[in-house]
Amino acid sequence: MHGCENICLEILGKRQKIIIGIVYRHPQHNMDEFSQSLSETITKIAKNDYVYYVLGDININLLNAANDSRIQQYIDTLSSLGCYPIINKPTRVVNEAESCIDHIYTNNLSTEIKPYIMLHDISYHYPIYLTVSKARLKRDVKQRYFRDTSNVNIIALDRDLHETLDSLPMQYSEWNVNEKFYFIARSMKSRADTHMPVWKYTRREYKLKLKPWITQGIISSIKHRDYLFRVYKRSKLLTDFETYKQCKTALLMSRI
């Protein structure tokens, strides 16, 4: 989008594609240009069947829509694209002046959406967020399983597979091709499970599988470094700090 600062996150699920956009529009930027740029972006996203959520500090006070035709036209333009603002309460309060300039837009009206405004003094703007209770994306858990081939006896496995093929049931010749394939595939999988069992990764093992460059030696060094850091924090001694620093430097050098 032009005329604003923005960043987008794309989430690809099995049943749904989602885009989450974070936008900041400067108060002095031309509102009509921003409206046109936002409309073009939303149209492009919607054409690709994405569900989208656009959040940010837009600096357009939606509470003034009744008194400002440009703001009402801005809302009408978004609504004509199936894009609806779901924050309608003040998000910035200074003395007695209230404004709704932090917005959330979405085209998702099919799931239960709950927008929130957090009353917090972290900034002059109240933080905004939303929850979508029915938009949970299923994680692909198939990769969390692996077949253990570390102790497989190839000769024994080959013998069992031959026995499976040599001991076909009497009615095998009467089956159609689908039934024959299903029987053979199931029988071979059963033999494979006996000699090469399937195990499930623990959470820690799965993380290490995704990062094979992190060896057990590196993990031990990280733990030792953290231990030395805690020792230094407790003692506040310069010698302990130097020991911790040397360990940290050696660990960093080992990764290069």
C-alpha atoms as a PDB file:
ATOM      1  CA  MET A   1       0.000   0.000   0.000  1.00  0.00           C
ATOM      2  CA  HIS A   2       1.116   3.529  -0.741  1.00  0.00           C
ATOM      3  CA  GLY A   3       1.100   6.427   1.682  1.00  0.00           C
ATOM      4  CA  CYS A   4       1.511   4.367   4.838  1.00  0.00           C
ATOM      5  CA  GLU A   5       3.794   2.010   6.679  1.00  0.00           C
ATOM      6  CA  ASN A   6       2.596  -1.589   6.543  1.00  0.00           C
ATOM      7  CA  ILE A   7       3.649  -5.179   6.946  1.00  0.00           C
ATOM      8  CA  CYS A   8       1.668  -8.359   6.213  1.00  0.00           C
ATOM      9  CA  LEU A   9       1.747 -11.931   7.452  1.00  0.00           C
ATOM     10  CA  GLU A  10       0.399 -14.742   5.263  1.00  0.00           C
ATOM     11  CA  ILE A  11      -0.913 -17.902   6.937  1.00  0.00           C
ATOM     12  CA  LEU A  12      -1.657 -20.873   4.682  1.00  0.00           C
ATOM     13  CA  GLY A  13      -3.909 -23.491   6.252  1.00  0.00           C
ATOM     14  CA  LYS A  14      -5.463 -26.600   4.779  1.00  0.00           C
ATOM     15  CA  ARG A  15      -8.917 -25.060   4.617  1.00  0.00           C
ATOM     16  CA  GLN A  16      -8.276 -21.354   4.835  1.00  0.00           C
ATOM     17  CA  LYS A  17      -5.800 -18.725   3.709  1.00  0.00           C
ATOM     18  CA  ILE A  18      -5.365 -15.749   6.019  1.00  0.00           C
ATOM     19  CA  ILE A  19      -3.568 -12.422   5.706  1.00  0.00           C
ATOM     20  CA  ILE A  20      -2.923 -10.229   8.737  1.00  0.00           C
ATOM     21  CA  GLY A  21      -1.884  -6.674   7.903  1.00  0.00           C
ATOM     22  CA  ILE A  22      -0.490  -4.049  10.255  1.00  0.00           C
ATOM     23  CA  VAL A  23      -0.846  -0.459   9.002  1.00  0.00           C
ATOM     24  CA  TYR A  24       0.207   2.989  10.155  1.00  0.00           C
ATOM     25  CA  ARG A  25      -1.060   6.063   8.327  1.00  0.00           C
ATOM     26  CA  HIS A  26       0.444   9.439   9.185  1.00  0.00           C
ATOM     27  CA  PRO A  27      -2.197  12.008  10.199  1.00  0.00           C
ATOM     28  CA  GLN A  28      -1.008  14.436   7.512  1.00  0.00           C
ATOM     29  CA  HIS A  29      -1.205  11.975   4.627  1.00  0.00           C
ATOM     30  CA  ASN A  30      -3.971  12.534   2.077  1.00  0.00           C
ATOM     31  CA  MET A  31      -6.982  10.496   3.188  1.00  0.00           C
ATOM     32  CA  ASP A  32      -8.393  10.041  -0.325  1.00  0.00           C
ATOM     33  CA  GLU A  33      -5.111   8.609  -1.626  1.00  0.00           C
ATOM     34  CA  PHE A  34      -4.893   6.264   1.342  1.00  0.00           C
ATOM     35  CA  SER A  35      -8.501   5.152   0.839  1.00  0.00           C
ATOM     36  CA  GLN A  36      -7.833   4.369  -2.827  1.00  0.00           C
ATOM     37  CA  SER A  37      -4.620   2.468  -2.049  1.00  0.00           C
ATOM     38  CA  LEU A  38      -6.282   0.451   0.737  1.00  0.00           C
ATOM     39  CA  SER A  39      -9.259  -0.354  -1.506  1.00  0.00           C
ATOM     40  CA  GLU A  40      -6.994  -1.619  -4.302  1.00  0.00           C
ATOM     41  CA  THR A  41      -5.048  -3.805  -1.879  1.00  0.00           C
ATOM     42  CA  ILE A  42      -8.191  -5.255  -0.307  1.00  0.00           C
ATOM     43  CA  THR A  43      -9.665  -5.997  -3.742  1.00  0.00           C
ATOM     44  CA  LYS A  44      -6.489  -7.821  -4.780  1.00  0.00           C
ATOM     45  CA  ILE A  45      -6.458  -9.883  -1.566  1.00  0.00           C
ATOM     46  CA  ALA A  46     -10.146 -10.780  -1.789  1.00  0.00           C
ATOM     47  CA  LYS A  47      -9.778 -12.023  -5.380  1.00  0.00           C
ATOM     48  CA  ASN A  48      -7.407 -14.722  -4.134  1.00  0.00           C
ATOM     49  CA  ASP A  49      -9.941 -16.015  -1.576  1.00  0.00           C
ATOM     50  CA  TYR A  50      -8.060 -14.793   1.473  1.00  0.00           C
ATOM     51  CA  VAL A  51      -9.637 -14.013   4.809  1.00  0.00           C
ATOM     52  CA  TYR A  52      -7.944 -10.853   5.991  1.00  0.00           C
ATOM     53  CA  TYR A  53      -7.577  -8.804   9.153  1.00  0.00           C
ATOM     54  CA  VAL A  54      -6.145  -5.294   8.845  1.00  0.00           C
ATOM     55  CA  LEU A  55      -5.175  -3.611  12.099  1.00  0.00           C
ATOM     56  CA  GLY A  56      -3.430  -0.380  12.879  1.00  0.00           C
ATOM     57  CA  ASP A  57      -3.242   3.294  13.691  1.00  0.00           C
ATOM     58  CA  ILE A  58      -5.128   4.774  10.740  1.00  0.00           C
ATOM     59  CA  ASN A  59      -5.628   8.298  12.181  1.00  0.00           C
ATOM     60  CA  ILE A  60      -9.137   8.619  10.765  1.00  0.00           C
ATOM     61  CA  ASN A  61     -11.675   9.301  13.498  1.00  0.00           C
ATOM     62  CA  LEU A  62     -14.633   7.034  12.746  1.00  0.00           C
ATOM     63  CA  LEU A  63     -16.635   8.716  15.516  1.00  0.00           C
ATOM     64  CA  ASN A  64     -16.853  11.837  13.288  1.00  0.00           C
ATOM     65  CA  ALA A  65     -18.505  10.019  10.381  1.00  0.00           C
ATOM     66  CA  ALA A  66     -21.828  11.759  10.990  1.00  0.00           C
ATOM     67  CA  ASN A  67     -20.193  15.209  10.796  1.00  0.00           C
ATOM     68  CA  ASP A  68     -17.574  14.575   8.091  1.00  0.00           C
ATOM     69  CA  SER A  69     -18.713  13.390   4.658  1.00  0.00           C
ATOM     70  CA  ARG A  70     -15.176  12.288   3.705  1.00  0.00           C
ATOM     71  CA  ILE A  71     -15.021   9.880   6.649  1.00  0.00           C
ATOM     72  CA  GLN A  72     -18.483   8.530   5.837  1.00  0.00           C
ATOM     73  CA  GLN A  73     -17.433   8.049   2.211  1.00  0.00           C
ATOM     74  CA  TYR A  74     -14.311   6.238   3.413  1.00  0.00           C
ATOM     75  CA  ILE A  75     -16.451   3.831   5.450  1.00  0.00           C
ATOM     76  CA  ASP A  76     -18.909   3.350   2.577  1.00  0.00           C
ATOM     77  CA  THR A  77     -16.058   2.570   0.154  1.00  0.00           C
ATOM     78  CA  LEU A  78     -14.704  -0.154   2.424  1.00  0.00           C
ATOM     79  CA  SER A  79     -18.183  -1.562   3.064  1.00  0.00           C
ATOM     80  CA  SER A  80     -18.841  -1.808  -0.674  1.00  0.00           C
ATOM     81  CA  LEU A  81     -15.832  -4.151  -0.865  1.00  0.00           C
ATOM     82  CA  GLY A  82     -17.124  -6.377   1.925  1.00  0.00           C
ATOM     83  CA  CYS A  83     -14.611  -4.862   4.357  1.00  0.00           C
ATOM     84  CA  TYR A  84     -16.029  -3.803   7.708  1.00  0.00           C
ATOM     85  CA  PRO A  85     -14.522  -1.909  10.663  1.00  0.00           C
ATOM     86  CA  ILE A  86     -15.205  -3.747  13.925  1.00  0.00           C
ATOM     87  CA  ILE A  87     -13.837  -1.187  16.409  1.00  0.00           C
ATOM     88  CA  ASN A  88     -16.424   1.524  17.128  1.00  0.00           C
ATOM     89  CA  LYS A  89     -15.388   2.837  20.539  1.00  0.00           C
ATOM     90  CA  PRO A  90     -12.762   5.463  21.462  1.00  0.00           C
ATOM     91  CA  THR A  91      -9.187   4.213  21.202  1.00  0.00           C
ATOM     92  CA  ARG A  92      -7.534   7.500  22.150  1.00  0.00           C
ATOM     93  CA  VAL A  93      -8.653   9.732  24.993  1.00  0.00           C
ATOM     94  CA  VAL A  94      -6.848  12.990  25.786  1.00  0.00           C
ATOM     95  CA  ASN A  95      -8.500  14.997  28.542  1.00  0.00           C
ATOM     96  CA  GLU A  96     -12.117  15.006  27.358  1.00  0.00           C
ATOM     97  CA  ALA A  97     -11.382  14.504  23.647  1.00  0.00           C
ATOM     98  CA  GLU A  98     -12.234  11.018  22.404  1.00  0.00           C
ATOM     99  CA  SER A  99     -11.439   9.527  19.015  1.00  0.00           C
ATOM    100  CA  CYS A 100     -11.549   6.148  17.295  1.00  0.00           C
ATOM    101  CA  ILE A 101      -8.428   6.272  15.140  1.00  0.00           C
ATOM    102  CA  ASP A 102      -7.148   2.711  15.692  1.00  0.00           C
ATOM    103  CA  HIS A 103      -9.068   0.320  13.483  1.00  0.00           C
ATOM    104  CA  ILE A 104      -9.562  -3.340  12.681  1.00  0.00           C
ATOM    105  CA  TYR A 105     -11.001  -4.286   9.279  1.00  0.00           C
ATOM    106  CA  THR A 106     -12.013  -7.741   8.110  1.00  0.00           C
ATOM    107  CA  ASN A 107     -14.057  -9.555   5.497  1.00  0.00           C
ATOM    108  CA  ASN A 108     -14.672 -12.488   7.832  1.00  0.00           C
ATOM    109  CA  LEU A 109     -18.230 -12.404   9.086  1.00  0.00           C
ATOM    110  CA  SER A 110     -18.713 -16.173   9.168  1.00  0.00           C
ATOM    111  CA  THR A 111     -16.859 -16.887  12.398  1.00  0.00           C
ATOM    112  CA  GLU A 112     -17.141 -15.597  15.911  1.00  0.00           C
ATOM    113  CA  ILE A 113     -14.977 -12.479  16.152  1.00  0.00           C
ATOM    114  CA  LYS A 114     -14.479 -10.541  19.372  1.00  0.00           C
ATOM    115  CA  PRO A 115     -12.675  -7.189  19.135  1.00  0.00           C
ATOM    116  CA  TYR A 116     -11.152  -5.711  22.275  1.00  0.00           C
ATOM    117  CA  ILE A 117      -9.823  -2.335  23.412  1.00  0.00           C
ATOM    118  CA  MET A 118      -7.353  -2.633  26.275  1.00  0.00           C
ATOM    119  CA  LEU A 119      -7.410   0.208  28.792  1.00  0.00           C
ATOM    120  CA  HIS A 120      -3.702   0.659  29.415  1.00  0.00           C
ATOM    121  CA  ASP A 121      -1.334   3.600  29.736  1.00  0.00           C
ATOM    122  CA  ILE A 122       1.403   2.007  27.633  1.00  0.00           C
ATOM    123  CA  SER A 123       0.864   4.837  25.124  1.00  0.00           C
ATOM    124  CA  TYR A 124      -1.592   7.575  24.222  1.00  0.00           C
ATOM    125  CA  HIS A 125      -3.493   4.977  22.204  1.00  0.00           C
ATOM    126  CA  TYR A 126      -5.329   2.078  23.787  1.00  0.00           C
ATOM    127  CA  PRO A 127      -4.071  -1.263  22.423  1.00  0.00           C
ATOM    128  CA  ILE A 128      -6.559  -3.094  20.200  1.00  0.00           C
ATOM    129  CA  TYR A 129      -6.779  -6.767  19.309  1.00  0.00           C
ATOM    130  CA  LEU A 130      -9.291  -9.431  18.357  1.00  0.00           C
ATOM    131  CA  THR A 131      -9.888 -13.122  18.867  1.00  0.00           C
ATOM    132  CA  VAL A 132     -11.274 -15.489  16.235  1.00  0.00           C
ATOM    133  CA  SER A 133     -12.515 -18.562  18.068  1.00  0.00           C
ATOM    134  CA  LYS A 134     -13.241 -20.761  15.059  1.00  0.00           C
ATOM    135  CA  ALA A 135     -10.230 -19.971  12.878  1.00  0.00           C
ATOM    136  CA  ARG A 136      -7.797 -22.399  14.417  1.00  0.00           C
ATOM    137  CA  LEU A 137      -5.478 -23.908  11.849  1.00  0.00           C
ATOM    138  CA  LYS A 138      -4.675 -27.573  12.273  1.00  0.00           C
ATOM    139  CA  ARG A 139      -1.000 -28.253  12.509  1.00  0.00           C
ATOM    140  CA  ASP A 140       0.462 -30.930  10.309  1.00  0.00           C
ATOM    141  CA  VAL A 141       1.304 -33.546  12.911  1.00  0.00           C
ATOM    142  CA  LYS A 142       2.333 -36.246  10.431  1.00  0.00           C
ATOM    143  CA  GLN A 143       5.925 -35.052  10.467  1.00  0.00           C
ATOM    144  CA  ARG A 144       6.086 -35.687  14.220  1.00  0.00           C
ATOM    145  CA  TYR A 145       6.312 -39.421  13.554  1.00  0.00           C
ATOM    146  CA  PHE A 146       9.300 -41.340  12.238  1.00  0.00           C
ATOM    147  CA  ARG A 147      10.156 -44.913  11.364  1.00  0.00           C
ATOM    148  CA  ASP A 148      13.039 -46.280  13.428  1.00  0.00           C
ATOM    149  CA  THR A 149      15.494 -48.038  11.104  1.00  0.00           C
ATOM    150  CA  SER A 150      18.437 -48.016  13.510  1.00  0.00           C
ATOM    151  CA  ASN A 151      18.109 -51.708  14.508  1.00  0.00           C
ATOM    152  CA  VAL A 152      16.480 -53.180  11.440  1.00  0.00           C
ATOM    153  CA  ASN A 153      17.553 -56.657  10.331  1.00  0.00           C
ATOM    154  CA  ILE A 154      17.336 -56.483   6.543  1.00  0.00           C
ATOM    155  CA  ILE A 155      17.640 -60.274   6.109  1.00  0.00           C
ATOM    156  CA  ALA A 156      14.794 -60.969   8.541  1.00  0.00           C
ATOM    157  CA  LEU A 157      12.637 -58.261   6.983  1.00  0.00           C
ATOM    158  CA  ASP A 158      13.250 -59.667   3.499  1.00  0.00           C
ATOM    159  CA  ARG A 159      12.338 -63.173   4.698  1.00  0.00           C
ATOM    160  CA  ASP A 160       9.073 -61.976   6.254  1.00  0.00           C
ATOM    161  CA  LEU A 161       8.106 -60.042   3.140  1.00  0.00           C
ATOM    162  CA  HIS A 162       8.679 -63.155   1.001  1.00  0.00           C
ATOM    163  CA  GLU A 163       6.578 -65.217   3.396  1.00  0.00           C
ATOM    164  CA  THR A 164       3.791 -62.661   3.040  1.00  0.00           C
ATOM    165  CA  LEU A 165       3.816 -62.920  -0.739  1.00  0.00           C
ATOM    166  CA  ASP A 166       4.113 -66.736  -0.640  1.00  0.00           C
ATOM    167  CA  SER A 167       1.141 -67.197   1.679  1.00  0.00           C
ATOM    168  CA  LEU A 168      -1.607 -65.391  -0.193  1.00  0.00           C
ATOM    169  CA  PRO A 169      -5.176 -66.404   0.738  1.00  0.00           C
ATOM    170  CA  MET A 170      -7.100 -68.834  -1.470  1.00  0.00           C
ATOM    171  CA  GLN A 171      -9.560 -66.185  -2.639  1.00  0.00           C
ATOM    172  CA  TYR A 172      -6.779 -63.793  -3.744  1.00  0.00           C
ATOM    173  CA  SER A 173      -7.194 -64.691  -7.429  1.00  0.00           C
ATOM    174  CA  GLU A 174     -10.883 -63.729  -7.257  1.00  0.00           C
ATOM    175  CA  TRP A 175     -10.258 -60.237  -5.885  1.00  0.00           C
ATOM    176  CA  ASN A 176     -10.215 -57.130  -8.067  1.00  0.00           C
ATOM    177  CA  VAL A 177      -7.056 -55.035  -8.414  1.00  0.00           C
ATOM    178  CA  ASN A 178      -8.037 -52.619  -5.615  1.00  0.00           C
ATOM    179  CA  GLU A 179      -8.605 -55.435  -3.133  1.00  0.00           C
ATOM    180  CA  LYS A 180      -5.296 -57.086  -4.076  1.00  0.00           C
ATOM    181  CA  PHE A 181      -3.362 -53.839  -3.696  1.00  0.00           C
ATOM    182  CA  TYR A 182      -4.976 -53.058  -0.342  1.00  0.00           C
ATOM    183  CA  PHE A 183      -4.171 -56.555   0.990  1.00  0.00           C
ATOM    184  CA  ILE A 184      -0.515 -56.457  -0.104  1.00  0.00           C
ATOM    185  CA  ALA A 185       0.039 -52.893   1.112  1.00  0.00           C
ATOM    186  CA  ARG A 186      -1.520 -53.657   4.507  1.00  0.00           C
ATOM    187  CA  SER A 187       0.492 -56.882   4.865  1.00  0.00           C
ATOM    188  CA  MET A 188       3.797 -55.204   3.999  1.00  0.00           C
ATOM    189  CA  LYS A 189       3.086 -52.302   6.342  1.00  0.00           C
ATOM    190  CA  SER A 190       2.430 -54.783   9.132  1.00  0.00           C
ATOM    191  CA  ARG A 191       5.800 -56.486   8.481  1.00  0.00           C
ATOM    192  CA  ALA A 192       7.562 -53.120   8.276  1.00  0.00           C
ATOM    193  CA  ASP A 193       6.023 -52.000  11.582  1.00  0.00           C
ATOM    194  CA  THR A 194       7.370 -55.158  13.218  1.00  0.00           C
ATOM    195  CA  HIS A 195      10.965 -54.629  12.063  1.00  0.00           C
ATOM    196  CA  MET A 196      10.960 -50.813  11.828  1.00  0.00           C
ATOM    197  CA  PRO A 197       8.489 -49.490  14.408  1.00  0.00           C
ATOM    198  CA  VAL A 198       6.998 -46.019  14.114  1.00  0.00           C
ATOM    199  CA  TRP A 199       7.663 -43.695  17.024  1.00  0.00           C
ATOM    200  CA  LYS A 200       6.483 -40.222  17.859  1.00  0.00           C
ATOM    201  CA  TYR A 201       8.971 -37.421  18.359  1.00  0.00           C
ATOM    202  CA  THR A 202       8.889 -35.624  21.681  1.00  0.00           C
ATOM    203  CA  ARG A 203       8.472 -31.854  21.375  1.00  0.00           C
ATOM    204  CA  ARG A 204      12.180 -31.400  22.075  1.00  0.00           C
ATOM    205  CA  GLU A 205      13.223 -34.050  19.534  1.00  0.00           C
ATOM    206  CA  TYR A 206      10.997 -32.508  16.882  1.00  0.00           C
ATOM    207  CA  LYS A 207      12.503 -29.060  17.403  1.00  0.00           C
ATOM    208  CA  LEU A 208      15.996 -30.522  17.097  1.00  0.00           C
ATOM    209  CA  LYS A 209      14.949 -32.316  13.890  1.00  0.00           C
ATOM    210  CA  LEU A 210      14.029 -28.945  12.382  1.00  0.00           C
ATOM    211  CA  LYS A 211      17.445 -27.567  13.408  1.00  0.00           C
ATOM    212  CA  PRO A 212      19.930 -30.372  12.695  1.00  0.00           C
ATOM    213  CA  TRP A 213      22.898 -28.011  13.028  1.00  0.00           C
ATOM    214  CA  ILE A 214      22.256 -27.739  16.787  1.00  0.00           C
ATOM    215  CA  THR A 215      24.262 -30.635  18.141  1.00  0.00           C
ATOM    216  CA  GLN A 216      24.193 -32.086  21.628  1.00  0.00           C
ATOM    217  CA  GLY A 217      27.583 -30.449  22.247  1.00  0.00           C
ATOM    218  CA  ILE A 218      26.192 -27.014  21.428  1.00  0.00           C
ATOM    219  CA  ILE A 219      23.206 -27.610  23.726  1.00  0.00           C
ATOM    220  CA  SER A 220      25.547 -28.578  26.578  1.00  0.00           C
ATOM    221  CA  SER A 221      27.661 -25.467  25.945  1.00  0.00           C
ATOM    222  CA  ILE A 222      24.570 -23.251  26.016  1.00  0.00           C
ATOM    223  CA  LYS A 223      23.509 -24.711  29.353  1.00  0.00           C
ATOM    224  CA  HIS A 224      27.014 -24.201  30.756  1.00  0.00           C
ATOM    225  CA  ARG A 225      27.060 -20.603  29.507  1.00  0.00           C
ATOM    226  CA  ASP A 226      23.703 -19.910  31.170  1.00  0.00           C
ATOM    227  CA  TYR A 227      24.967 -21.473  34.398  1.00  0.00           C
ATOM    228  CA  LEU A 228      28.037 -19.210  34.409  1.00  0.00           C
ATOM    229  CA  PHE A 229      25.807 -16.210  33.780  1.00  0.00           C
ATOM    230  CA  ARG A 230      23.680 -17.040  36.825  1.00  0.00           C
ATOM    231  CA  VAL A 231      26.842 -17.492  38.923  1.00  0.00           C
ATOM    232  CA  TYR A 232      28.057 -14.052  37.868  1.00  0.00           C
ATOM    233  CA  LYS A 233      24.671 -12.446  38.597  1.00  0.00           C
ATOM    234  CA  ARG A 234      24.727 -13.839  42.114  1.00  0.00           C
ATOM    235  CA  SER A 235      28.372 -13.051  42.927  1.00  0.00           C
ATOM    236  CA  LYS A 236      28.876  -9.816  40.925  1.00  0.00           C
ATOM    237  CA  LEU A 237      32.578 -10.729  40.817  1.00  0.00           C
ATOM    238  CA  LEU A 238      34.711  -9.628  37.890  1.00  0.00           C
ATOM    239  CA  THR A 239      36.411 -13.006  37.727  1.00  0.00           C
ATOM    240  CA  ASP A 240      33.050 -14.751  37.299  1.00  0.00           C
ATOM    241  CA  PHE A 241      32.121 -12.273  34.585  1.00  0.00           C
ATOM    242  CA  GLU A 242      35.362 -12.978  32.709  1.00  0.00           C
ATOM    243  CA  THR A 243      34.717 -16.733  32.951  1.00  0.00           C
ATOM    244  CA  TYR A 244      31.203 -16.258  31.596  1.00  0.00           C
ATOM    245  CA  LYS A 245      32.462 -13.955  28.820  1.00  0.00           C
ATOM    246  CA  GLN A 246      35.115 -16.446  27.717  1.00  0.00           C
ATOM    247  CA  CYS A 247      32.557 -19.246  27.547  1.00  0.00           C
ATOM    248  CA  LYS A 248      30.146 -17.068  25.574  1.00  0.00           C
ATOM    249  CA  THR A 249      32.864 -16.032  23.119  1.00  0.00           C
ATOM    250  CA  ALA A 250      33.965 -19.632  22.600  1.00  0.00           C
ATOM    251  CA  LEU A 251      30.375 -20.691  21.960  1.00  0.00           C
ATOM    252  CA  LEU A 252      29.868 -17.924  19.391  1.00  0.00           C
ATOM    253  CA  MET A 253      33.112 -18.838  17.629  1.00  0.00           C
ATOM    254  CA  SER A 254      32.056 -22.485  17.419  1.00  0.00           C
ATOM    255  CA  ARG A 255      28.975 -21.467  15.399  1.00  0.00           C
ATOM    256  CA  ILE A 256      30.932 -19.612  12.747  1.00  0.00           C
END
